[in-house]
All heavy atoms as atom14 arrays in JSON, in Angstrom:
{
  "sequence": "EISKAMDAEQAQESIRRKMPDLILMDIGLPGMDGLTLTRKLKAD",
  "atom14_mask": [
    [1, 1, 1, 1, 1, 1, 1, 1, 1, 0, 0, 0, 0, 0],
    [1, 1, 1, 1, 1, 1, 1, 1, 0, 0, 0, 0, 0, 0],
    [1, 1, 1, 1, 1, 1, 0, 0, 0, 0, 0, 0, 0, 0],
    [1, 1, 1, 1, 1, 1, 1, 1, 1, 0, 0, 0, 0, 0],
    [1, 1, 1, 1, 1, 0, 0, 0, 0, 0, 0, 0, 0, 0],
    [1, 1, 1, 1, 1, 1, 1, 1, 0, 0, 0, 0, 0, 0],
    [1, 1, 1, 1, 1, 1, 1, 1, 0, 0, 0, 0, 0, 0],
    [1, 1, 1, 1, 1, 0, 0, 0, 0, 0, 0, 0, 0, 0],
    [1, 1, 1, 1, 1, 1, 1, 1, 1, 0, 0, 0, 0, 0],
    [1, 1, 1, 1, 1, 1, 1, 1, 1, 0, 0, 0, 0, 0],
    [1, 1, 1, 1, 1, 0, 0, 0, 0, 0, 0, 0, 0, 0],
    [1, 1, 1, 1, 1, 1, 1, 1, 1, 0, 0, 0, 0, 0],
    [1, 1, 1, 1, 1, 1, 1, 1, 1, 0, 0, 0, 0, 0],
    [1, 1, 1, 1, 1, 1, 0, 0, 0, 0, 0, 0, 0, 0],
    [1, 1, 1, 1, 1, 1, 1, 1, 0, 0, 0, 0, 0, 0],
    [1, 1, 1, 1, 1, 1, 1, 1, 1, 1, 1, 0, 0, 0],
    [1, 1, 1, 1, 1, 1, 1, 1, 1, 1, 1, 0, 0, 0],
    [1, 1, 1, 1, 1, 1, 1, 1, 1, 0, 0, 0, 0, 0],
    [1, 1, 1, 1, 1, 1, 1, 1, 0, 0, 0, 0, 0, 0],
    [1, 1, 1, 1, 1, 1, 1, 0, 0, 0, 0, 0, 0, 0],
    [1, 1, 1, 1, 1, 1, 1, 1, 0, 0, 0, 0, 0, 0],
    [1, 1, 1, 1, 1, 1, 1, 1, 0, 0, 0, 0, 0, 0],
    [1, 1, 1, 1, 1, 1, 1, 1, 0, 0, 0, 0, 0, 0],
    [1, 1, 1, 1, 1, 1, 1, 1, 0, 0, 0, 0, 0, 0],
    [1, 1, 1, 1, 1, 1, 1, 1, 0, 0, 0, 0, 0, 0],
    [1, 1, 1, 1, 1, 1, 1, 1, 0, 0, 0, 0, 0, 0],
    [1, 1, 1, 1, 1, 1, 1, 1, 0, 0, 0, 0, 0, 0],
    [1, 1, 1, 1, 0, 0, 0, 0, 0, 0, 0, 0, 0, 0],
    [1, 1, 1, 1, 1, 1, 1, 1, 0, 0, 0, 0, 0, 0],
    [1, 1, 1, 1, 1, 1, 1, 0, 0, 0, 0, 0, 0, 0],
    [1, 1, 1, 1, 0, 0, 0, 0, 0, 0, 0, 0, 0, 0],
    [1, 1, 1, 1, 1, 1, 1, 1, 0, 0, 0, 0, 0, 0],
    [1, 1, 1, 1, 1, 1, 1, 1, 0, 0, 0, 0, 0, 0],
    [1, 1, 1, 1, 0, 0, 0, 0, 0, 0, 0, 0, 0, 0],
    [1, 1, 1, 1, 1, 1, 1, 1, 0, 0, 0, 0, 0, 0],
    [1, 1, 1, 1, 1, 1, 1, 0, 0, 0, 0, 0, 0, 0],
    [1, 1, 1, 1, 1, 1, 1, 1, 0, 0, 0, 0, 0, 0],
    [1, 1, 1, 1, 1, 1, 1, 0, 0, 0, 0, 0, 0, 0],
    [1, 1, 1, 1, 1, 1, 1, 1, 1, 1, 1, 0, 0, 0],
    [1, 1, 1, 1, 1, 1, 1, 1, 1, 0, 0, 0, 0, 0],
    [1, 1, 1, 1, 1, 1, 1, 1, 0, 0, 0, 0, 0, 0],
    [1, 1, 1, 1, 1, 1, 1, 1, 1, 0, 0, 0, 0, 0],
    [1, 1, 1, 1, 1, 0, 0, 0, 0, 0, 0, 0, 0, 0],
    [1, 1, 1, 1, 1, 1, 1, 1, 0, 0, 0, 0, 0, 0]
  ],
  "atom14_positions": [
    [[-4.28, 7.75, 13.17], [-4.38, 6.37, 12.69], [-5.7, 6.27, 11.93], [-6.77, 6.54, 12.49], [-4.36, 5.39, 13.86], [-4.5, 3.96, 13.44], [-4.64, 3.02, 14.63], [-4.32, 3.42, 15.78], [-5.06, 1.89, 14.39], [0.0, 0.0, 0.0], [0.0, 0.0, 0.0], [0.0, 0.0, 0.0], [0.0, 0.0, 0.0], [0.0, 0.0, 0.0]],
    [[-5.62, 5.85, 10.67], [-6.8, 5.86, 9.81], [-7.22, 4.44, 9.43], [-6.38, 3.61, 9.03], [-6.54, 6.66, 8.52], [-6.11, 8.09, 8.83], [-7.76, 6.65, 7.61], [-7.12, 8.92, 9.57], [0.0, 0.0, 0.0], [0.0, 0.0, 0.0], [0.0, 0.0, 0.0], [0.0, 0.0, 0.0], [0.0, 0.0, 0.0], [0.0, 0.0, 0.0]],
    [[-8.51, 4.18, 9.57], [-9.12, 2.99, 8.99], [-10.11, 3.46, 7.94], [-10.64, 4.57, 8.05], [-9.87, 2.17, 10.06], [-8.97, 1.65, 11.0], [0.0, 0.0, 0.0], [0.0, 0.0, 0.0], [0.0, 0.0, 0.0], [0.0, 0.0, 0.0], [0.0, 0.0, 0.0], [0.0, 0.0, 0.0], [0.0, 0.0, 0.0], [0.0, 0.0, 0.0]],
    [[-10.34, 2.64, 6.93], [-11.2, 3.05, 5.82], [-12.29, 2.0, 5.59], [-12.05, 0.8, 5.78], [-10.39, 3.16, 4.53], [-9.23, 4.09, 4.59], [-8.41, 4.03, 3.33], [-7.05, 4.68, 3.51], [-6.19, 4.49, 2.36], [0.0, 0.0, 0.0], [0.0, 0.0, 0.0], [0.0, 0.0, 0.0], [0.0, 0.0, 0.0], [0.0, 0.0, 0.0]],
    [[-13.47, 2.49, 5.17], [-14.56, 1.61, 4.81], [-15.35, 2.26, 3.7], [-15.5, 3.5, 3.68], [-15.48, 1.35, 6.01], [0.0, 0.0, 0.0], [0.0, 0.0, 0.0], [0.0, 0.0, 0.0], [0.0, 0.0, 0.0], [0.0, 0.0, 0.0], [0.0, 0.0, 0.0], [0.0, 0.0, 0.0], [0.0, 0.0, 0.0], [0.0, 0.0, 0.0]],
    [[-15.83, 1.43, 2.76], [-16.59, 1.98, 1.64], [-18.11, 1.77, 1.77], [-18.86, 2.25, 0.95], [-16.08, 1.37, 0.33], [-14.67, 1.85, 0.03], [-14.1, 1.39, -1.64], [-15.08, 2.49, -2.64], [0.0, 0.0, 0.0], [0.0, 0.0, 0.0], [0.0, 0.0, 0.0], [0.0, 0.0, 0.0], [0.0, 0.0, 0.0], [0.0, 0.0, 0.0]],
    [[-18.52, 1.05, 2.82], [-19.96, 0.86, 3.06], [-20.17, 0.56, 4.53], [-19.22, 0.42, 5.31], [-20.56, -0.21, 2.16], [-19.92, -1.58, 2.32], [-19.49, -1.93, 3.45], [-19.86, -2.34, 1.33], [0.0, 0.0, 0.0], [0.0, 0.0, 0.0], [0.0, 0.0, 0.0], [0.0, 0.0, 0.0], [0.0, 0.0, 0.0], [0.0, 0.0, 0.0]],
    [[-21.43, 0.46, 4.94], [-21.78, 0.27, 6.34], [-21.25, -1.07, 6.86], [-20.8, -1.16, 8.01], [-23.29, 0.34, 6.53], [0.0, 0.0, 0.0], [0.0, 0.0, 0.0], [0.0, 0.0, 0.0], [0.0, 0.0, 0.0], [0.0, 0.0, 0.0], [0.0, 0.0, 0.0], [0.0, 0.0, 0.0], [0.0, 0.0, 0.0], [0.0, 0.0, 0.0]],
    [[-21.31, -2.1, 6.04], [-20.84, -3.41, 6.49], [-19.33, -3.41, 6.77], [-18.89, -3.92, 7.8], [-21.18, -4.49, 5.45], [-22.69, -4.75, 5.34], [-23.48, -3.66, 4.61], [-22.9, -2.87, 3.81], [-24.69, -3.54, 4.89], [0.0, 0.0, 0.0], [0.0, 0.0, 0.0], [0.0, 0.0, 0.0], [0.0, 0.0, 0.0], [0.0, 0.0, 0.0]],
    [[-18.56, -2.78, 5.9], [-17.11, -2.68, 6.14], [-16.86, -1.83, 7.36], [-15.95, -2.12, 8.15], [-16.43, -2.05, 4.92], [-16.3, -2.95, 3.73], [-15.59, -2.25, 2.55], [-15.13, -1.12, 2.64], [-15.51, -2.97, 1.42], [0.0, 0.0, 0.0], [0.0, 0.0, 0.0], [0.0, 0.0, 0.0], [0.0, 0.0, 0.0], [0.0, 0.0, 0.0]],
    [[-17.65, -0.78, 7.55], [-17.47, 0.08, 8.71], [-17.72, -0.68, 10.01], [-16.93, -0.59, 10.98], [-18.41, 1.29, 8.64], [0.0, 0.0, 0.0], [0.0, 0.0, 0.0], [0.0, 0.0, 0.0], [0.0, 0.0, 0.0], [0.0, 0.0, 0.0], [0.0, 0.0, 0.0], [0.0, 0.0, 0.0], [0.0, 0.0, 0.0], [0.0, 0.0, 0.0]],
    [[-18.78, -1.49, 10.04], [-19.08, -2.28, 11.25], [-17.97, -3.29, 11.53], [-17.6, -3.5, 12.68], [-20.44, -2.98, 11.06], [-21.6, -2.0, 11.08], [-22.92, -2.66, 10.79], [-23.63, -2.99, 11.7], [-23.19, -2.87, 9.51], [0.0, 0.0, 0.0], [0.0, 0.0, 0.0], [0.0, 0.0, 0.0], [0.0, 0.0, 0.0], [0.0, 0.0, 0.0]],
    [[-17.43, -3.89, 10.49], [-16.35, -4.85, 10.65], [-15.1, -4.13, 11.22], [-14.42, -4.63, 12.12], [-16.03, -5.56, 9.35], [-14.92, -6.56, 9.45], [-15.17, -7.67, 10.46], [-16.32, -8.09, 10.64], [-14.19, -8.1, 11.11], [0.0, 0.0, 0.0], [0.0, 0.0, 0.0], [0.0, 0.0, 0.0], [0.0, 0.0, 0.0], [0.0, 0.0, 0.0]],
    [[-14.81, -2.96, 10.7], [-13.66, -2.18, 11.17], [-13.84, -1.82, 12.63], [-12.88, -1.91, 13.42], [-13.49, -0.91, 10.34], [-12.42, -0.15, 10.79], [0.0, 0.0, 0.0], [0.0, 0.0, 0.0], [0.0, 0.0, 0.0], [0.0, 0.0, 0.0], [0.0, 0.0, 0.0], [0.0, 0.0, 0.0], [0.0, 0.0, 0.0], [0.0, 0.0, 0.0]],
    [[-15.04, -1.43, 13.04], [-15.3, -1.06, 14.43], [-15.16, -2.29, 15.35], [-14.62, -2.18, 16.44], [-16.73, -0.47, 14.55], [-16.77, 0.87, 13.85], [-17.15, -0.34, 16.02], [-18.17, 1.41, 13.59], [0.0, 0.0, 0.0], [0.0, 0.0, 0.0], [0.0, 0.0, 0.0], [0.0, 0.0, 0.0], [0.0, 0.0, 0.0], [0.0, 0.0, 0.0]],
    [[-15.54, -3.49, 14.86], [-15.34, -4.71, 15.66], [-13.86, -4.99, 15.87], [-13.49, -5.47, 16.95], [-16.03, -5.89, 14.98], [-17.54, -5.95, 15.23], [-18.13, -7.28, 14.77], [-18.25, -7.39, 13.32], [-19.25, -6.9, 12.59], [-20.22, -6.25, 13.19], [-19.27, -7.07, 11.29], [0.0, 0.0, 0.0], [0.0, 0.0, 0.0], [0.0, 0.0, 0.0]],
    [[-13.06, -4.7, 14.87], [-11.6, -4.95, 14.97], [-10.93, -3.97, 15.94], [-10.1, -4.33, 16.75], [-10.93, -4.89, 13.62], [-11.14, -6.11, 12.75], [-10.22, -6.15, 11.54], [-10.26, -4.96, 10.74], [-11.1, -4.75, 9.74], [-12.01, -5.65, 9.41], [-11.05, -3.62, 9.04], [0.0, 0.0, 0.0], [0.0, 0.0, 0.0], [0.0, 0.0, 0.0]],
    [[-11.3, -2.67, 15.81], [-10.7, -1.65, 16.64], [-11.64, -0.46, 16.76], [-12.02, 0.12, 15.74], [-9.35, -1.19, 16.09], [-8.68, -0.18, 17.01], [-7.26, 0.13, 16.65], [-6.7, 1.11, 17.65], [-5.39, 1.53, 17.3], [0.0, 0.0, 0.0], [0.0, 0.0, 0.0], [0.0, 0.0, 0.0], [0.0, 0.0, 0.0], [0.0, 0.0, 0.0]],
    [[-11.97, -0.13, 17.97], [-12.91, 0.98, 18.23], [-12.26, 2.29, 17.86], [-11.19, 2.66, 18.39], [-13.3, 0.96, 19.69], [-14.48, 1.82, 20.03], [-16.06, 1.15, 19.47], [-16.19, -0.33, 20.47], [0.0, 0.0, 0.0], [0.0, 0.0, 0.0], [0.0, 0.0, 0.0], [0.0, 0.0, 0.0], [0.0, 0.0, 0.0], [0.0, 0.0, 0.0]],
    [[-12.88, 3.08, 16.95], [-12.32, 4.39, 16.61], [-12.67, 5.45, 17.63], [-13.64, 5.31, 18.38], [-12.97, 4.69, 15.27], [-14.27, 3.99, 15.31], [-14.04, 2.75, 16.16], [0.0, 0.0, 0.0], [0.0, 0.0, 0.0], [0.0, 0.0, 0.0], [0.0, 0.0, 0.0], [0.0, 0.0, 0.0], [0.0, 0.0, 0.0], [0.0, 0.0, 0.0]],
    [[-11.91, 6.51, 17.65], [-12.21, 7.67, 18.47], [-13.21, 8.58, 17.76], [-13.96, 9.33, 18.41], [-10.95, 8.48, 18.78], [-9.92, 7.65, 19.53], [-10.24, 7.23, 20.66], [-8.82, 7.4, 18.99], [0.0, 0.0, 0.0], [0.0, 0.0, 0.0], [0.0, 0.0, 0.0], [0.0, 0.0, 0.0], [0.0, 0.0, 0.0], [0.0, 0.0, 0.0]],
    [[-13.21, 8.51, 16.43], [-14.06, 9.36, 15.61], [-14.39, 8.63, 14.31], [-13.53, 7.94, 13.78], [-13.31, 10.66, 15.29], [-13.95, 11.65, 14.28], [-15.24, 12.23, 14.85], [-12.96, 12.75, 13.94], [0.0, 0.0, 0.0], [0.0, 0.0, 0.0], [0.0, 0.0, 0.0], [0.0, 0.0, 0.0], [0.0, 0.0, 0.0], [0.0, 0.0, 0.0]],
    [[-15.62, 8.82, 13.85], [-16.01, 8.32, 12.53], [-16.4, 9.51, 11.68], [-17.24, 10.33, 12.09], [-17.19, 7.34, 12.61], [-16.85, 6.1, 13.46], [-17.63, 6.89, 11.2], [-17.99, 5.16, 13.73], [0.0, 0.0, 0.0], [0.0, 0.0, 0.0], [0.0, 0.0, 0.0], [0.0, 0.0, 0.0], [0.0, 0.0, 0.0], [0.0, 0.0, 0.0]],
    [[-15.79, 9.62, 10.5], [-16.2, 10.57, 9.5], [-17.11, 9.8, 8.53], [-16.64, 8.93, 7.81], [-15.02, 11.19, 8.76], [-14.07, 11.99, 9.67], [-12.89, 12.51, 8.86], [-14.8, 13.15, 10.33], [0.0, 0.0, 0.0], [0.0, 0.0, 0.0], [0.0, 0.0, 0.0], [0.0, 0.0, 0.0], [0.0, 0.0, 0.0], [0.0, 0.0, 0.0]],
    [[-18.41, 10.05, 8.6], [-19.43, 9.19, 7.98], [-20.07, 9.87, 6.76], [-20.79, 10.86, 6.91], [-20.5, 8.88, 9.02], [-21.65, 8.03, 8.52], [-21.24, 6.3, 8.48], [-21.25, 5.92, 10.23], [0.0, 0.0, 0.0], [0.0, 0.0, 0.0], [0.0, 0.0, 0.0], [0.0, 0.0, 0.0], [0.0, 0.0, 0.0], [0.0, 0.0, 0.0]],
    [[-19.85, 9.3, 5.59], [-20.57, 9.72, 4.41], [-22.03, 9.29, 4.61], [-22.33, 8.21, 5.07], [-19.99, 9.04, 3.17], [-20.68, 9.4, 1.89], [-21.32, 10.49, 1.83], [-20.54, 8.64, 0.91], [0.0, 0.0, 0.0], [0.0, 0.0, 0.0], [0.0, 0.0, 0.0], [0.0, 0.0, 0.0], [0.0, 0.0, 0.0], [0.0, 0.0, 0.0]],
    [[-22.95, 10.15, 4.27], [-24.37, 9.86, 4.46], [-24.91, 9.01, 3.33], [-25.71, 8.13, 3.53], [-25.18, 11.19, 4.6], [-24.71, 11.97, 5.81], [-26.66, 10.92, 4.66], [-24.7, 11.17, 7.08], [0.0, 0.0, 0.0], [0.0, 0.0, 0.0], [0.0, 0.0, 0.0], [0.0, 0.0, 0.0], [0.0, 0.0, 0.0], [0.0, 0.0, 0.0]],
    [[-24.46, 9.27, 2.09], [-25.0, 8.59, 0.92], [-24.29, 7.27, 0.6], [-23.73, 7.15, -0.48], [0.0, 0.0, 0.0], [0.0, 0.0, 0.0], [0.0, 0.0, 0.0], [0.0, 0.0, 0.0], [0.0, 0.0, 0.0], [0.0, 0.0, 0.0], [0.0, 0.0, 0.0], [0.0, 0.0, 0.0], [0.0, 0.0, 0.0], [0.0, 0.0, 0.0]],
    [[-24.3, 6.34, 1.52], [-23.67, 5.03, 1.29], [-24.59, 4.09, 0.58], [-25.83, 4.2, 0.75], [-23.24, 4.39, 2.63], [-22.23, 5.15, 3.48], [-22.06, 4.43, 4.8], [-20.9, 5.22, 2.74], [0.0, 0.0, 0.0], [0.0, 0.0, 0.0], [0.0, 0.0, 0.0], [0.0, 0.0, 0.0], [0.0, 0.0, 0.0], [0.0, 0.0, 0.0]],
    [[-24.08, 3.16, -0.22], [-24.92, 2.14, -0.82], [-25.43, 1.17, 0.24], [-24.76, 0.97, 1.26], [-24.0, 1.45, -1.83], [-22.62, 1.63, -1.25], [-22.66, 2.98, -0.55], [0.0, 0.0, 0.0], [0.0, 0.0, 0.0], [0.0, 0.0, 0.0], [0.0, 0.0, 0.0], [0.0, 0.0, 0.0], [0.0, 0.0, 0.0], [0.0, 0.0, 0.0]],
    [[-26.56, 0.58, 0.04], [-27.12, -0.35, 1.03], [-27.58, 0.46, 2.24], [-28.37, 1.38, 2.12], [0.0, 0.0, 0.0], [0.0, 0.0, 0.0], [0.0, 0.0, 0.0], [0.0, 0.0, 0.0], [0.0, 0.0, 0.0], [0.0, 0.0, 0.0], [0.0, 0.0, 0.0], [0.0, 0.0, 0.0], [0.0, 0.0, 0.0], [0.0, 0.0, 0.0]],
    [[-27.09, 0.11, 3.44], [-27.4, 0.86, 4.61], [-26.74, 2.24, 4.54], [-25.52, 2.32, 4.45], [-26.92, 0.11, 5.87], [-27.28, 0.8, 7.18], [-26.48, 0.12, 8.67], [-26.88, -1.61, 8.58], [0.0, 0.0, 0.0], [0.0, 0.0, 0.0], [0.0, 0.0, 0.0], [0.0, 0.0, 0.0], [0.0, 0.0, 0.0], [0.0, 0.0, 0.0]],
    [[-27.55, 3.3, 4.6], [-26.97, 4.66, 4.48], [-26.3, 5.06, 5.81], [-26.46, 4.4, 6.82], [-28.01, 5.66, 4.03], [-29.12, 5.89, 5.05], [-28.83, 6.11, 6.23], [-30.3, 5.88, 4.66], [0.0, 0.0, 0.0], [0.0, 0.0, 0.0], [0.0, 0.0, 0.0], [0.0, 0.0, 0.0], [0.0, 0.0, 0.0], [0.0, 0.0, 0.0]],
    [[-25.58, 6.17, 5.74], [-24.8, 6.62, 6.89], [-25.64, 7.02, 8.08], [-25.21, 6.82, 9.21], [0.0, 0.0, 0.0], [0.0, 0.0, 0.0], [0.0, 0.0, 0.0], [0.0, 0.0, 0.0], [0.0, 0.0, 0.0], [0.0, 0.0, 0.0], [0.0, 0.0, 0.0], [0.0, 0.0, 0.0], [0.0, 0.0, 0.0], [0.0, 0.0, 0.0]],
    [[-26.83, 7.58, 7.87], [-27.67, 7.96, 8.98], [-28.24, 6.73, 9.68], [-28.34, 6.7, 10.92], [-28.81, 8.88, 8.54], [-28.38, 10.27, 8.04], [-29.58, 11.12, 7.66], [-27.52, 10.98, 9.09], [0.0, 0.0, 0.0], [0.0, 0.0, 0.0], [0.0, 0.0, 0.0], [0.0, 0.0, 0.0], [0.0, 0.0, 0.0], [0.0, 0.0, 0.0]],
    [[-28.58, 5.71, 8.93], [-29.08, 4.47, 9.53], [-27.97, 3.81, 10.36], [-28.2, 3.37, 11.5], [-29.56, 3.5, 8.44], [-30.63, 4.13, 7.71], [-30.1, 2.2, 9.04], [0.0, 0.0, 0.0], [0.0, 0.0, 0.0], [0.0, 0.0, 0.0], [0.0, 0.0, 0.0], [0.0, 0.0, 0.0], [0.0, 0.0, 0.0], [0.0, 0.0, 0.0]],
    [[-26.76, 3.77, 9.82], [-25.63, 3.22, 10.57], [-25.36, 4.05, 11.84], [-25.09, 3.5, 12.91], [-24.38, 3.13, 9.7], [-23.14, 2.61, 10.4], [-23.36, 1.23, 11.03], [-21.96, 2.55, 9.43], [0.0, 0.0, 0.0], [0.0, 0.0, 0.0], [0.0, 0.0, 0.0], [0.0, 0.0, 0.0], [0.0, 0.0, 0.0], [0.0, 0.0, 0.0]],
    [[-25.43, 5.35, 11.72], [-25.24, 6.22, 12.89], [-26.26, 5.92, 13.96], [-25.89, 5.74, 15.14], [-25.33, 7.71, 12.47], [-24.24, 8.0, 11.57], [-25.23, 8.63, 13.7], [0.0, 0.0, 0.0], [0.0, 0.0, 0.0], [0.0, 0.0, 0.0], [0.0, 0.0, 0.0], [0.0, 0.0, 0.0], [0.0, 0.0, 0.0], [0.0, 0.0, 0.0]],
    [[-27.53, 5.8, 13.59], [-28.59, 5.47, 14.58], [-28.29, 4.13, 15.25], [-28.42, 3.99, 16.48], [-29.94, 5.42, 13.92], [-30.52, 6.76, 13.57], [-31.96, 6.64, 13.04], [-32.3, 7.79, 12.25], [-32.19, 7.89, 10.93], [-31.78, 6.86, 10.23], [-32.53, 9.0, 10.33], [0.0, 0.0, 0.0], [0.0, 0.0, 0.0], [0.0, 0.0, 0.0]],
    [[-27.84, 3.18, 14.47], [-27.51, 1.85, 14.99], [-26.35, 1.91, 15.97], [-26.43, 1.33, 17.06], [-27.2, 0.91, 13.81], [-26.92, -0.53, 14.21], [-26.71, -1.39, 12.98], [-26.41, -2.81, 13.4], [-26.27, -3.71, 12.28], [0.0, 0.0, 0.0], [0.0, 0.0, 0.0], [0.0, 0.0, 0.0], [0.0, 0.0, 0.0], [0.0, 0.0, 0.0]],
    [[-25.31, 2.64, 15.64], [-24.17, 2.77, 16.52], [-24.49, 3.53, 17.81], [-24.06, 3.16, 18.91], [-23.01, 3.46, 15.8], [-22.39, 2.69, 14.61], [-21.44, 3.58, 13.83], [-21.72, 1.42, 15.1], [0.0, 0.0, 0.0], [0.0, 0.0, 0.0], [0.0, 0.0, 0.0], [0.0, 0.0, 0.0], [0.0, 0.0, 0.0], [0.0, 0.0, 0.0]],
    [[-25.3, 4.56, 17.69], [-25.66, 5.38, 18.87], [-26.65, 4.64, 19.78], [-26.72, 4.94, 20.98], [-26.25, 6.72, 18.44], [-25.22, 7.65, 17.78], [-24.11, 8.04, 18.75], [-23.15, 9.04, 18.14], [-22.17, 9.56, 19.08], [0.0, 0.0, 0.0], [0.0, 0.0, 0.0], [0.0, 0.0, 0.0], [0.0, 0.0, 0.0], [0.0, 0.0, 0.0]],
    [[-27.35, 3.66, 19.26], [-28.29, 2.87, 20.07], [-27.61, 1.72, 20.81], [-28.22, 1.1, 21.71], [-29.42, 2.31, 19.17], [0.0, 0.0, 0.0], [0.0, 0.0, 0.0], [0.0, 0.0, 0.0], [0.0, 0.0, 0.0], [0.0, 0.0, 0.0], [0.0, 0.0, 0.0], [0.0, 0.0, 0.0], [0.0, 0.0, 0.0], [0.0, 0.0, 0.0]],
    [[-26.37, 1.42, 20.46], [-25.64, 0.3, 21.04], [-24.71, 0.81, 22.14], [-23.9, 1.7, 21.92], [-24.82, -0.41, 19.94], [-24.12, -1.66, 20.4], [-23.82, -1.78, 21.61], [-23.82, -2.49, 19.54], [0.0, 0.0, 0.0], [0.0, 0.0, 0.0], [0.0, 0.0, 0.0], [0.0, 0.0, 0.0], [0.0, 0.0, 0.0], [0.0, 0.0, 0.0]]
  ]
}
């Protein structure tokens, strides 16, 4: 089952709707980059 996001904000919204088992995270995202989002998710 696939959900898609083109930036960190869309990713966070998708996670709020349904928790994924795995995230395939592009690092070079516009705005908040993938490593920053990863740190944020792992700290929560």
